[in-house]
Amino acid sequence: STSALSKALVKSKESLSSHAERKNNTEVQLNLRAVKRSL
């Protein structure tokens, strides 16, 4: 939705092999501190 987010993701992209494989079908991570700040 924003160019700033795309640039941040491009800069922070990591190799998939650098992450431990957990074999999860779906994962969700929610930072509720950030959600509160936004609200």
Full PDB file with SEQRES, HELIX, SHEET, SSBOND, CRYST1, ORIGX, SCALE, CONECT and MASTER records, all heavy atoms in Angstrom:
SEQRES   1 A   39  SER THR SER ALA LEU SER LYS ALA LEU VAL LYS SER LYS          
SEQRES   2 A   39  GLU SER LEU SER SER HIS ALA GLU ARG LYS ASN ASN THR          
SEQRES   3 A   39  GLU VAL GLN LEU ASN LEU ARG ALA VAL LYS ARG SER LEU          
HELIX    1 AA1 SER A    3  SER A   12  1                                  10    
HELIX    2 AA2 LEU A   16  SER A   18  5                                   3    
HELIX    3 AA3 LEU A   32  SER A   38  1                                   7    
CRYST1    1.000    1.000    1.000  90.00  90.00  90.00 P 1           1          
ORIGX1      1.000000  0.000000  0.000000        0.00000                         
ORIGX2      0.000000  1.000000  0.000000        0.00000                         
ORIGX3      0.000000  0.000000  1.000000        0.00000                         
SCALE1      1.000000  0.000000  0.000000        0.00000                         
SCALE2      0.000000  1.000000  0.000000        0.00000                         
SCALE3      0.000000  0.000000  1.000000        0.00000                         
ATOM      1  N   SER A   1       0.817  -1.217   0.000  1.00  0.00           N  
ATOM      2  CA  SER A   1       0.000   0.000   0.000  1.00  0.00           C  
ATOM      3  C   SER A   1       0.850   1.266   0.000  1.00  0.00           C  
ATOM      4  O   SER A   1       0.353   2.342  -0.303  1.00  0.00           O  
ATOM      5  CB  SER A   1      -0.928   0.013   1.220  1.00  0.00           C  
ATOM      6  OG  SER A   1      -0.186   0.120   2.419  1.00  0.00           O  
ATOM      7  N   THR A   2       2.132   1.125   0.337  1.00  0.00           N  
ATOM      8  CA  THR A   2       3.018   2.295   0.354  1.00  0.00           C  
ATOM      9  C   THR A   2       4.387   1.932  -0.217  1.00  0.00           C  
ATOM     10  O   THR A   2       4.848   0.790  -0.090  1.00  0.00           O  
ATOM     11  CB  THR A   2       3.216   2.836   1.786  1.00  0.00           C  
ATOM     12  OG1 THR A   2       3.942   1.871   2.562  1.00  0.00           O  
ATOM     13  CG2 THR A   2       1.880   3.131   2.457  1.00  0.00           C  
ATOM     14  N   SER A   3       5.036   2.919  -0.788  1.00  0.00           N  
ATOM     15  CA  SER A   3       6.392   2.703  -1.305  1.00  0.00           C  
ATOM     16  C   SER A   3       7.378   2.498  -0.164  1.00  0.00           C  
ATOM     17  O   SER A   3       8.350   1.750  -0.295  1.00  0.00           O  
ATOM     18  CB  SER A   3       6.819   3.889  -2.175  1.00  0.00           C  
ATOM     19  OG  SER A   3       6.749   5.103  -1.440  1.00  0.00           O  
ATOM     20  N   ALA A   4       7.139   3.155   0.981  1.00  0.00           N  
ATOM     21  CA  ALA A   4       8.045   3.010   2.122  1.00  0.00           C  
ATOM     22  C   ALA A   4       8.106   1.564   2.594  1.00  0.00           C  
ATOM     23  O   ALA A   4       9.177   1.043   2.934  1.00  0.00           O  
ATOM     24  CB  ALA A   4       7.603   3.927   3.262  1.00  0.00           C  
ATOM     25  N   LEU A   5       6.957   0.883   2.611  1.00  0.00           N  
ATOM     26  CA  LEU A   5       6.950  -0.509   3.048  1.00  0.00           C  
ATOM     27  C   LEU A   5       7.701  -1.391   2.056  1.00  0.00           C  
ATOM     28  O   LEU A   5       8.477  -2.269   2.461  1.00  0.00           O  
ATOM     29  CB  LEU A   5       5.509  -1.004   3.213  1.00  0.00           C  
ATOM     30  CG  LEU A   5       5.351  -2.464   3.644  1.00  0.00           C  
ATOM     31  CD1 LEU A   5       6.058  -2.721   4.973  1.00  0.00           C  
ATOM     32  CD2 LEU A   5       3.878  -2.853   3.743  1.00  0.00           C  
ATOM     33  N   SER A   6       7.504  -1.185   0.758  1.00  0.00           N  
ATOM     34  CA  SER A   6       8.227  -1.982  -0.238  1.00  0.00           C  
ATOM     35  C   SER A   6       9.731  -1.818  -0.082  1.00  0.00           C  
ATOM     36  O   SER A   6      10.493  -2.793  -0.115  1.00  0.00           O  
ATOM     37  CB  SER A   6       7.802  -1.572  -1.650  1.00  0.00           C  
ATOM     38  OG  SER A   6       6.614  -2.207  -2.024  1.00  0.00           O  
ATOM     39  N   LYS A   7      10.184  -0.575   0.098  1.00  0.00           N  
ATOM     40  CA  LYS A   7      11.620  -0.328   0.253  1.00  0.00           C  
ATOM     41  C   LYS A   7      12.157  -0.983   1.515  1.00  0.00           C  
ATOM     42  O   LYS A   7      13.268  -1.532   1.524  1.00  0.00           O  
ATOM     43  CB  LYS A   7      11.884   1.172   0.264  1.00  0.00           C  
ATOM     44  CG  LYS A   7      11.637   1.837  -1.092  1.00  0.00           C  
ATOM     45  CD  LYS A   7      11.817   3.342  -1.029  1.00  0.00           C  
ATOM     46  CE  LYS A   7      11.539   3.978  -2.386  1.00  0.00           C  
ATOM     47  NZ  LYS A   7      11.664   5.458  -2.347  1.00  0.00           N  
ATOM     48  N   ALA A   8      11.368  -0.946   2.597  1.00  0.00           N  
ATOM     49  CA  ALA A   8      11.808  -1.577   3.837  1.00  0.00           C  
ATOM     50  C   ALA A   8      11.898  -3.094   3.676  1.00  0.00           C  
ATOM     51  O   ALA A   8      12.843  -3.722   4.166  1.00  0.00           O  
ATOM     52  CB  ALA A   8      10.839  -1.222   4.962  1.00  0.00           C  
ATOM     53  N   LEU A   9      10.941  -3.677   2.966  1.00  0.00           N  
ATOM     54  CA  LEU A   9      10.957  -5.127   2.757  1.00  0.00           C  
ATOM     55  C   LEU A   9      12.109  -5.542   1.853  1.00  0.00           C  
ATOM     56  O   LEU A   9      12.753  -6.567   2.078  1.00  0.00           O  
ATOM     57  CB  LEU A   9       9.624  -5.584   2.158  1.00  0.00           C  
ATOM     58  CG  LEU A   9       8.396  -5.433   3.056  1.00  0.00           C  
ATOM     59  CD1 LEU A   9       7.130  -5.843   2.303  1.00  0.00           C  
ATOM     60  CD2 LEU A   9       8.528  -6.268   4.322  1.00  0.00           C  
ATOM     61  N   VAL A  10      12.363  -4.745   0.823  1.00  0.00           N  
ATOM     62  CA  VAL A  10      13.477  -5.044  -0.078  1.00  0.00           C  
ATOM     63  C   VAL A  10      14.799  -5.013   0.686  1.00  0.00           C  
ATOM     64  O   VAL A  10      15.666  -5.875   0.510  1.00  0.00           O  
ATOM     65  CB  VAL A  10      13.499  -4.031  -1.240  1.00  0.00           C  
ATOM     66  CG1 VAL A  10      14.840  -4.054  -1.937  1.00  0.00           C  
ATOM     67  CG2 VAL A  10      12.387  -4.343  -2.235  1.00  0.00           C  
ATOM     68  N   LYS A  11      14.948  -4.035   1.569  1.00  0.00           N  
ATOM     69  CA  LYS A  11      16.199  -3.911   2.328  1.00  0.00           C  
ATOM     70  C   LYS A  11      16.371  -5.039   3.337  1.00  0.00           C  
ATOM     71  O   LYS A  11      17.486  -5.451   3.649  1.00  0.00           O  
ATOM     72  CB  LYS A  11      16.235  -2.570   3.056  1.00  0.00           C  
ATOM     73  CG  LYS A  11      16.424  -1.372   2.136  1.00  0.00           C  
ATOM     74  CD  LYS A  11      16.443  -0.068   2.935  1.00  0.00           C  
ATOM     75  CE  LYS A  11      16.606   1.123   2.015  1.00  0.00           C  
ATOM     76  NZ  LYS A  11      16.577   2.410   2.771  1.00  0.00           N  
ATOM     77  N   SER A  12      15.258  -5.539   3.872  1.00  0.00           N  
ATOM     78  CA  SER A  12      15.343  -6.518   4.945  1.00  0.00           C  
ATOM     79  C   SER A  12      15.173  -7.946   4.465  1.00  0.00           C  
ATOM     80  O   SER A  12      15.102  -8.871   5.270  1.00  0.00           O  
ATOM     81  CB  SER A  12      14.278  -6.222   6.010  1.00  0.00           C  
ATOM     82  OG  SER A  12      12.980  -6.366   5.457  1.00  0.00           O  
ATOM     83  N   LYS A  13      15.082  -8.156   3.140  1.00  0.00           N  
ATOM     84  CA  LYS A  13      14.865  -9.509   2.616  1.00  0.00           C  
ATOM     85  C   LYS A  13      15.998 -10.444   3.041  1.00  0.00           C  
ATOM     86  O   LYS A  13      17.164 -10.104   2.988  1.00  0.00           O  
ATOM     87  CB  LYS A  13      14.787  -9.490   1.088  1.00  0.00           C  
ATOM     88  CG  LYS A  13      14.320 -10.820   0.517  1.00  0.00           C  
ATOM     89  CD  LYS A  13      14.596 -10.915  -0.971  1.00  0.00           C  
ATOM     90  CE  LYS A  13      16.076 -11.084  -1.200  1.00  0.00           C  
ATOM     91  NZ  LYS A  13      16.400 -11.773  -2.440  1.00  0.00           N  
ATOM     92  N   GLU A  14      15.615 -11.622   3.488  1.00  0.00           N  
ATOM     93  CA  GLU A  14      16.592 -12.616   3.921  1.00  0.00           C  
ATOM     94  C   GLU A  14      16.413 -13.907   3.128  1.00  0.00           C  
ATOM     95  O   GLU A  14      15.352 -14.170   2.586  1.00  0.00           O  
ATOM     96  CB  GLU A  14      16.419 -12.918   5.416  1.00  0.00           C  
ATOM     97  CG  GLU A  14      16.707 -11.714   6.295  1.00  0.00           C  
ATOM     98  CD  GLU A  14      16.589 -12.085   7.766  1.00  0.00           C  
ATOM     99  OE1 GLU A  14      16.353 -13.260   8.060  1.00  0.00           O  
ATOM    100  OE2 GLU A  14      16.740 -11.202   8.599  1.00  0.00           O  
ATOM    101  N   SER A  15      17.465 -14.685   3.078  1.00  0.00           N  
ATOM    102  CA  SER A  15      17.395 -15.975   2.409  1.00  0.00           C  
ATOM    103  C   SER A  15      16.500 -16.916   3.198  1.00  0.00           C  
ATOM    104  O   SER A  15      16.554 -16.970   4.423  1.00  0.00           O  
ATOM    105  CB  SER A  15      18.800 -16.569   2.298  1.00  0.00           C  
ATOM    106  OG  SER A  15      18.731 -17.902   1.873  1.00  0.00           O  
ATOM    107  N   LEU A  16      15.688 -17.673   2.482  1.00  0.00           N  
ATOM    108  CA  LEU A  16      14.789 -18.622   3.152  1.00  0.00           C  
ATOM    109  C   LEU A  16      15.567 -19.675   3.929  1.00  0.00           C  
ATOM    110  O   LEU A  16      15.111 -20.153   4.956  1.00  0.00           O  
ATOM    111  CB  LEU A  16      13.890 -19.305   2.123  1.00  0.00           C  
ATOM    112  CG  LEU A  16      12.928 -18.419   1.342  1.00  0.00           C  
ATOM    113  CD1 LEU A  16      12.120 -19.271   0.381  1.00  0.00           C  
ATOM    114  CD2 LEU A  16      11.999 -17.672   2.273  1.00  0.00           C  
ATOM    115  N   SER A  17      16.774 -19.999   3.458  1.00  0.00           N  
ATOM    116  CA  SER A  17      17.547 -21.041   4.117  1.00  0.00           C  
ATOM    117  C   SER A  17      18.063 -20.617   5.478  1.00  0.00           C  
ATOM    118  O   SER A  17      18.527 -21.441   6.262  1.00  0.00           O  
ATOM    119  CB  SER A  17      18.736 -21.448   3.230  1.00  0.00           C  
ATOM    120  OG  SER A  17      19.597 -20.336   3.029  1.00  0.00           O  
ATOM    121  N   SER A  18      17.992 -19.313   5.792  1.00  0.00           N  
ATOM    122  CA  SER A  18      18.502 -18.831   7.073  1.00  0.00           C  
ATOM    123  C   SER A  18      17.506 -19.023   8.203  1.00  0.00           C  
ATOM    124  O   SER A  18      17.803 -18.729   9.347  1.00  0.00           O  
ATOM    125  CB  SER A  18      18.860 -17.344   6.970  1.00  0.00           C  
ATOM    126  OG  SER A  18      17.684 -16.569   6.776  1.00  0.00           O  
ATOM    127  N   HIS A  19      16.306 -19.519   7.888  1.00  0.00           N  
ATOM    128  CA  HIS A  19      15.272 -19.701   8.903  1.00  0.00           C  
ATOM    129  C   HIS A  19      15.065 -21.174   9.206  1.00  0.00           C  
ATOM    130  O   HIS A  19      15.048 -22.016   8.313  1.00  0.00           O  
ATOM    131  CB  HIS A  19      13.943 -19.097   8.417  1.00  0.00           C  
ATOM    132  CG  HIS A  19      13.985 -17.615   8.280  1.00  0.00           C  
ATOM    133  ND1 HIS A  19      13.816 -16.763   9.332  1.00  0.00           N  
ATOM    134  CD2 HIS A  19      14.217 -16.837   7.198  1.00  0.00           C  
ATOM    135  CE1 HIS A  19      13.916 -15.515   8.915  1.00  0.00           C  
ATOM    136  NE2 HIS A  19      14.169 -15.535   7.628  1.00  0.00           N  
ATOM    137  N   ALA A  20      14.918 -21.485  10.476  1.00  0.00           N  
ATOM    138  CA  ALA A  20      14.603 -22.854  10.877  1.00  0.00           C  
ATOM    139  C   ALA A  20      13.246 -23.250  10.303  1.00  0.00           C  
ATOM    140  O   ALA A  20      12.308 -22.471  10.344  1.00  0.00           O  
ATOM    141  CB  ALA A  20      14.590 -22.960  12.397  1.00  0.00           C  
ATOM    142  N   GLU A  21      13.171 -24.458   9.763  1.00  0.00           N  
ATOM    143  CA  GLU A  21      11.934 -24.925   9.145  1.00  0.00           C  
ATOM    144  C   GLU A  21      11.030 -25.520  10.210  1.00  0.00           C  
ATOM    145  O   GLU A  21      11.388 -26.479  10.874  1.00  0.00           O  
ATOM    146  CB  GLU A  21      12.265 -25.975   8.080  1.00  0.00           C  
ATOM    147  CG  GLU A  21      11.114 -26.264   7.150  1.00  0.00           C  
ATOM    148  CD  GLU A  21      10.744 -25.048   6.321  1.00  0.00           C  
ATOM    149  OE1 GLU A  21      11.435 -24.771   5.339  1.00  0.00           O  
ATOM    150  OE2 GLU A  21       9.751 -24.385   6.676  1.00  0.00           O  
ATOM    151  N   ARG A  22       9.827 -24.938  10.395  1.00  0.00           N  
ATOM    152  CA  ARG A  22       8.928 -25.425  11.437  1.00  0.00           C  
ATOM    153  C   ARG A  22       7.798 -26.262  10.875  1.00  0.00           C  
ATOM    154  O   ARG A  22       7.023 -26.829  11.627  1.00  0.00           O  
ATOM    155  CB  ARG A  22       8.365 -24.235  12.230  1.00  0.00           C  
ATOM    156  CG  ARG A  22       9.366 -23.617  13.180  1.00  0.00           C  
ATOM    157  CD  ARG A  22       8.675 -22.603  14.080  1.00  0.00           C  
ATOM    158  NE  ARG A  22       8.326 -21.403  13.359  1.00  0.00           N  
ATOM    159  CZ  ARG A  22       9.036 -20.287  13.388  1.00  0.00           C  
ATOM    160  NH1 ARG A  22      10.153 -20.237  14.079  1.00  0.00           N  
ATOM    161  NH2 ARG A  22       8.659 -19.212  12.712  1.00  0.00           N  
ATOM    162  N   LYS A  23       7.671 -26.318   9.553  1.00  0.00           N  
ATOM    163  CA  LYS A  23       6.634 -27.133   8.919  1.00  0.00           C  
ATOM    164  C   LYS A  23       5.226 -26.713   9.317  1.00  0.00           C  
ATOM    165  O   LYS A  23       4.321 -27.536   9.351  1.00  0.00           O  
ATOM    166  CB  LYS A  23       6.842 -28.621   9.247  1.00  0.00           C  
ATOM    167  CG  LYS A  23       8.106 -29.224   8.675  1.00  0.00           C  
ATOM    168  CD  LYS A  23       8.027 -29.407   7.179  1.00  0.00           C  
ATOM    169  CE  LYS A  23       9.242 -30.125   6.633  1.00  0.00           C  
ATOM    170  NZ  LYS A  23       9.179 -30.339   5.176  1.00  0.00           N  
ATOM    171  N   ASN A  24       5.032 -25.451   9.634  1.00  0.00           N  
ATOM    172  CA  ASN A  24       3.691 -24.962   9.944  1.00  0.00           C  
ATOM    173  C   ASN A  24       2.971 -24.599   8.661  1.00  0.00           C  
ATOM    174  O   ASN A  24       3.556 -23.990   7.750  1.00  0.00           O  
ATOM    175  CB  ASN A  24       3.755 -23.743  10.864  1.00  0.00           C  
ATOM    176  CG  ASN A  24       4.212 -24.101  12.259  1.00  0.00           C  
ATOM    177  OD1 ASN A  24       3.925 -25.189  12.746  1.00  0.00           O  
ATOM    178  ND2 ASN A  24       4.949 -23.211  12.902  1.00  0.00           N  
ATOM    179  N   ASN A  25       1.687 -24.918   8.583  1.00  0.00           N  
ATOM    180  CA  ASN A  25       0.889 -24.532   7.425  1.00  0.00           C  
ATOM    181  C   ASN A  25       0.631 -23.028   7.419  1.00  0.00           C  
ATOM    182  O   ASN A  25       0.647 -22.383   6.361  1.00  0.00           O  
ATOM    183  CB  ASN A  25      -0.433 -25.299   7.443  1.00  0.00           C  
ATOM    184  CG  ASN A  25      -1.402 -24.840   6.386  1.00  0.00           C  
ATOM    185  OD1 ASN A  25      -2.175 -23.900   6.593  1.00  0.00           O  
ATOM    186  ND2 ASN A  25      -1.381 -25.488   5.233  1.00  0.00           N  
ATOM    187  N   THR A  26       0.401 -22.465   8.596  1.00  0.00           N  
ATOM    188  CA  THR A  26       0.100 -21.037   8.736  1.00  0.00           C  
ATOM    189  C   THR A  26       0.738 -20.509  10.012  1.00  0.00           C  
ATOM    190  O   THR A  26       0.730 -21.195  11.035  1.00  0.00           O  
ATOM    191  CB  THR A  26      -1.422 -20.800   8.802  1.00  0.00           C  
ATOM    192  OG1 THR A  26      -2.055 -21.397   7.671  1.00  0.00           O  
ATOM    193  CG2 THR A  26      -1.752 -19.313   8.821  1.00  0.00           C  
ATOM    194  N   GLU A  27       1.293 -19.305   9.937  1.00  0.00           N  
ATOM    195  CA  GLU A  27       1.819 -18.626  11.121  1.00  0.00           C  
ATOM    196  C   GLU A  27       1.329 -17.179  11.115  1.00  0.00           C  
ATOM    197  O   GLU A  27       1.302 -16.537  10.064  1.00  0.00           O  
ATOM    198  CB  GLU A  27       3.351 -18.632  11.150  1.00  0.00           C  
ATOM    199  CG  GLU A  27       3.973 -19.985  11.414  1.00  0.00           C  
ATOM    200  CD  GLU A  27       5.487 -19.895  11.560  1.00  0.00           C  
ATOM    201  OE1 GLU A  27       6.006 -18.767  11.775  1.00  0.00           O  
ATOM    202  OE2 GLU A  27       6.158 -20.936  11.442  1.00  0.00           O  
ATOM    203  N   VAL A  28       0.965 -16.707  12.279  1.00  0.00           N  
ATOM    204  CA  VAL A  28       0.568 -15.308  12.448  1.00  0.00           C  
ATOM    205  C   VAL A  28       1.349 -14.732  13.614  1.00  0.00           C  
ATOM    206  O   VAL A  28       1.444 -15.366  14.676  1.00  0.00           O  
ATOM    207  CB  VAL A  28      -0.946 -15.171  12.738  1.00  0.00           C  
ATOM    208  CG1 VAL A  28      -1.312 -13.703  12.964  1.00  0.00           C  
ATOM    209  CG2 VAL A  28      -1.767 -15.753  11.599  1.00  0.00           C  
ATOM    210  N   GLN A  29       1.914 -13.559  13.416  1.00  0.00           N  
ATOM    211  CA  GLN A  29       2.592 -12.842  14.486  1.00  0.00           C  
ATOM    212  C   GLN A  29       2.016 -11.434  14.549  1.00  0.00           C  
ATOM    213  O   GLN A  29       1.992 -10.719  13.544  1.00  0.00           O  
ATOM    214  CB  GLN A  29       4.101 -12.805  14.244  1.00  0.00           C  
ATOM    215  CG  GLN A  29       4.742 -14.190  14.252  1.00  0.00           C  
ATOM    216  CD  GLN A  29       6.230 -14.158  14.000  1.00  0.00           C  
ATOM    217  OE1 GLN A  29       6.812 -13.111  13.716  1.00  0.00           O  
ATOM    218  NE2 GLN A  29       6.864 -15.313  14.099  1.00  0.00           N  
ATOM    219  N   LEU A  30       1.539 -11.060  15.733  1.00  0.00           N  
ATOM    220  CA  LEU A  30       0.863  -9.777  15.914  1.00  0.00           C  
ATOM    221  C   LEU A  30       1.527  -9.020  17.053  1.00  0.00           C  
ATOM    222  O   LEU A  30       1.595  -9.510  18.187  1.00  0.00           O  
ATOM    223  CB  LEU A  30      -0.619 -10.004  16.222  1.00  0.00           C  
ATOM    224  CG  LEU A  30      -1.530  -8.782  16.310  1.00  0.00           C  
ATOM    225  CD1 LEU A  30      -1.554  -8.026  14.991  1.00  0.00           C  
ATOM    226  CD2 LEU A  30      -2.948  -9.203  16.692  1.00  0.00           C  
ATOM    227  N   ASN A  31       2.031  -7.814  16.751  1.00  0.00           N  
ATOM    228  CA  ASN A  31       2.641  -6.942  17.746  1.00  0.00           C  
ATOM    229  C   ASN A  31       1.553  -6.021  18.294  1.00  0.00           C  
ATOM    230  O   ASN A  31       1.180  -5.028  17.661  1.00  0.00           O  
ATOM    231  CB  ASN A  31       3.768  -6.129  17.096  1.00  0.00           C  
ATOM    232  CG  ASN A  31       4.483  -5.237  18.085  1.00  0.00           C  
ATOM    233  OD1 ASN A  31       3.967  -4.919  19.156  1.00  0.00           O  
ATOM    234  ND2 ASN A  31       5.692  -4.826  17.735  1.00  0.00           N  
ATOM    235  N   LEU A  32       1.014  -6.366  19.471  1.00  0.00           N  
ATOM    236  CA  LEU A  32      -0.119  -5.618  20.004  1.00  0.00           C  
ATOM    237  C   LEU A  32       0.286  -4.250  20.550  1.00  0.00           C  
ATOM    238  O   LEU A  32      -0.549  -3.363  20.678  1.00  0.00           O  
ATOM    239  CB  LEU A  32      -0.814  -6.442  21.093  1.00  0.00           C  
ATOM    240  CG  LEU A  32      -1.541  -7.670  20.540  1.00  0.00           C  
ATOM    241  CD1 LEU A  32      -1.998  -8.583  21.651  1.00  0.00           C  
ATOM    242  CD2 LEU A  32      -2.724  -7.262  19.687  1.00  0.00           C  
ATOM    243  N   ARG A  33       1.569  -4.055  20.841  1.00  0.00           N  
ATOM    244  CA  ARG A  33       2.031  -2.714  21.214  1.00  0.00           C  
ATOM    245  C   ARG A  33       1.855  -1.767  20.035  1.00  0.00           C  
ATOM    246  O   ARG A  33       1.388  -0.636  20.180  1.00  0.00           O  
ATOM    247  CB  ARG A  33       3.498  -2.760  21.631  1.00  0.00           C  
ATOM    248  CG  ARG A  33       3.804  -3.534  22.909  1.00  0.00           C  
ATOM    249  CD  ARG A  33       5.250  -3.316  23.320  1.00  0.00           C  
ATOM    250  NE  ARG A  33       5.630  -4.113  24.466  1.00  0.00           N  
ATOM    251  CZ  ARG A  33       6.461  -5.148  24.414  1.00  0.00           C  
ATOM    252  NH1 ARG A  33       6.967  -5.533  23.241  1.00  0.00           N  
ATOM    253  NH2 ARG A  33       6.781  -5.810  25.505  1.00  0.00           N  
ATOM    254  N   ALA A  34       2.227  -2.252  18.843  1.00  0.00           N  
ATOM    255  CA  ALA A  34       2.093  -1.427  17.645  1.00  0.00           C  
ATOM    256  C   ALA A  34       0.628  -1.198  17.298  1.00  0.00           C  
ATOM    257  O   ALA A  34       0.247  -0.114  16.851  1.00  0.00           O  
ATOM    258  CB  ALA A  34       2.823  -2.087  16.476  1.00  0.00           C  
ATOM    259  N   VAL A  35      -0.211  -2.230  17.491  1.00  0.00           N  
ATOM    260  CA  VAL A  35      -1.646  -2.078  17.239  1.00  0.00           C  
ATOM    261  C   VAL A  35      -2.221  -0.989  18.138  1.00  0.00           C  
ATOM    262  O   VAL A  35      -2.993  -0.128  17.697  1.00  0.00           O  
ATOM    263  CB  VAL A  35      -2.378  -3.412  17.472  1.00  0.00           C  
ATOM    264  CG1 VAL A  35      -3.884  -3.212  17.418  1.00  0.00           C  
ATOM    265  CG2 VAL A  35      -1.954  -4.440  16.435  1.00  0.00           C  
ATOM    266  N   LYS A  36      -1.831  -0.985  19.400  1.00  0.00           N  
ATOM    267  CA  LYS A  36      -2.331   0.025  20.333  1.00  0.00           C  
ATOM    268  C   LYS A  36      -1.886   1.424  19.904  1.00  0.00           C  
ATOM    269  O   LYS A  36      -2.672   2.375  19.944  1.00  0.00           O  
ATOM    270  CB  LYS A  36      -1.841  -0.276  21.747  1.00  0.00           C  
ATOM    271  CG  LYS A  36      -2.348   0.723  22.775  1.00  0.00           C  
ATOM    272  CD  LYS A  36      -1.770   0.486  24.160  1.00  0.00           C  
ATOM    273  CE  LYS A  36      -2.216   1.587  25.112  1.00  0.00           C  
ATOM    274  NZ  LYS A  36      -1.625   1.433  26.466  1.00  0.00           N  
ATOM    275  N   ARG A  37      -0.625   1.554  19.500  1.00  0.00           N  
ATOM    276  CA  ARG A  37      -0.140   2.870  19.059  1.00  0.00           C  
ATOM    277  C   ARG A  37      -0.954   3.373  17.868  1.00  0.00           C  
ATOM    278  O   ARG A  37      -1.301   4.552  17.789  1.00  0.00           O  
ATOM    279  CB  ARG A  37       1.347   2.794  18.699  1.00  0.00           C  
ATOM    280  CG  ARG A  37       2.273   2.677  19.889  1.00  0.00           C  
ATOM    281  CD  ARG A  37       3.706   2.946  19.506  1.00  0.00           C  
ATOM    282  NE  ARG A  37       4.226   1.975  18.578  1.00  0.00           N  
ATOM    283  CZ  ARG A  37       4.896   0.878  18.939  1.00  0.00           C  
ATOM    284  NH1 ARG A  37       5.092   0.618  20.226  1.00  0.00           N  
ATOM    285  NH2 ARG A  37       5.359   0.038  18.040  1.00  0.00           N  
ATOM    286  N   SER A  38      -1.258   2.468  16.937  1.00  0.00           N  
ATOM    287  CA  SER A  38      -2.030   2.857  15.761  1.00  0.00           C  
ATOM    288  C   SER A  38      -3.436   3.300  16.145  1.00  0.00           C  
ATOM    289  O   SER A  38      -3.961   4.286  15.607  1.00  0.00           O  
ATOM    290  CB  SER A  38      -2.091   1.687  14.777  1.00  0.00           C  
ATOM    291  OG  SER A  38      -2.829   2.016  13.629  1.00  0.00           O  
ATOM    292  N   LEU A  39      -4.063   2.588  17.079  1.00  0.00           N  
ATOM    293  CA  LEU A  39      -5.407   2.963  17.523  1.00  0.00           C  
ATOM    294  C   LEU A  39      -5.395   4.292  18.279  1.00  0.00           C  
ATOM    295  O   LEU A  39      -6.314   5.108  18.142  1.00  0.00           O  
ATOM    296  CB  LEU A  39      -5.988   1.859  18.406  1.00  0.00           C  
ATOM    297  CG  LEU A  39      -6.299   0.529  17.708  1.00  0.00           C  
ATOM    298  CD1 LEU A  39      -6.774  -0.503  18.718  1.00  0.00           C  
ATOM    299  CD2 LEU A  39      -7.337   0.716  16.610  1.00  0.00           C  
TER     300      LEU A  39                                                      
MASTER        0    0    0    3    0    0    0    6  299    1    0    3          
END                                                                             
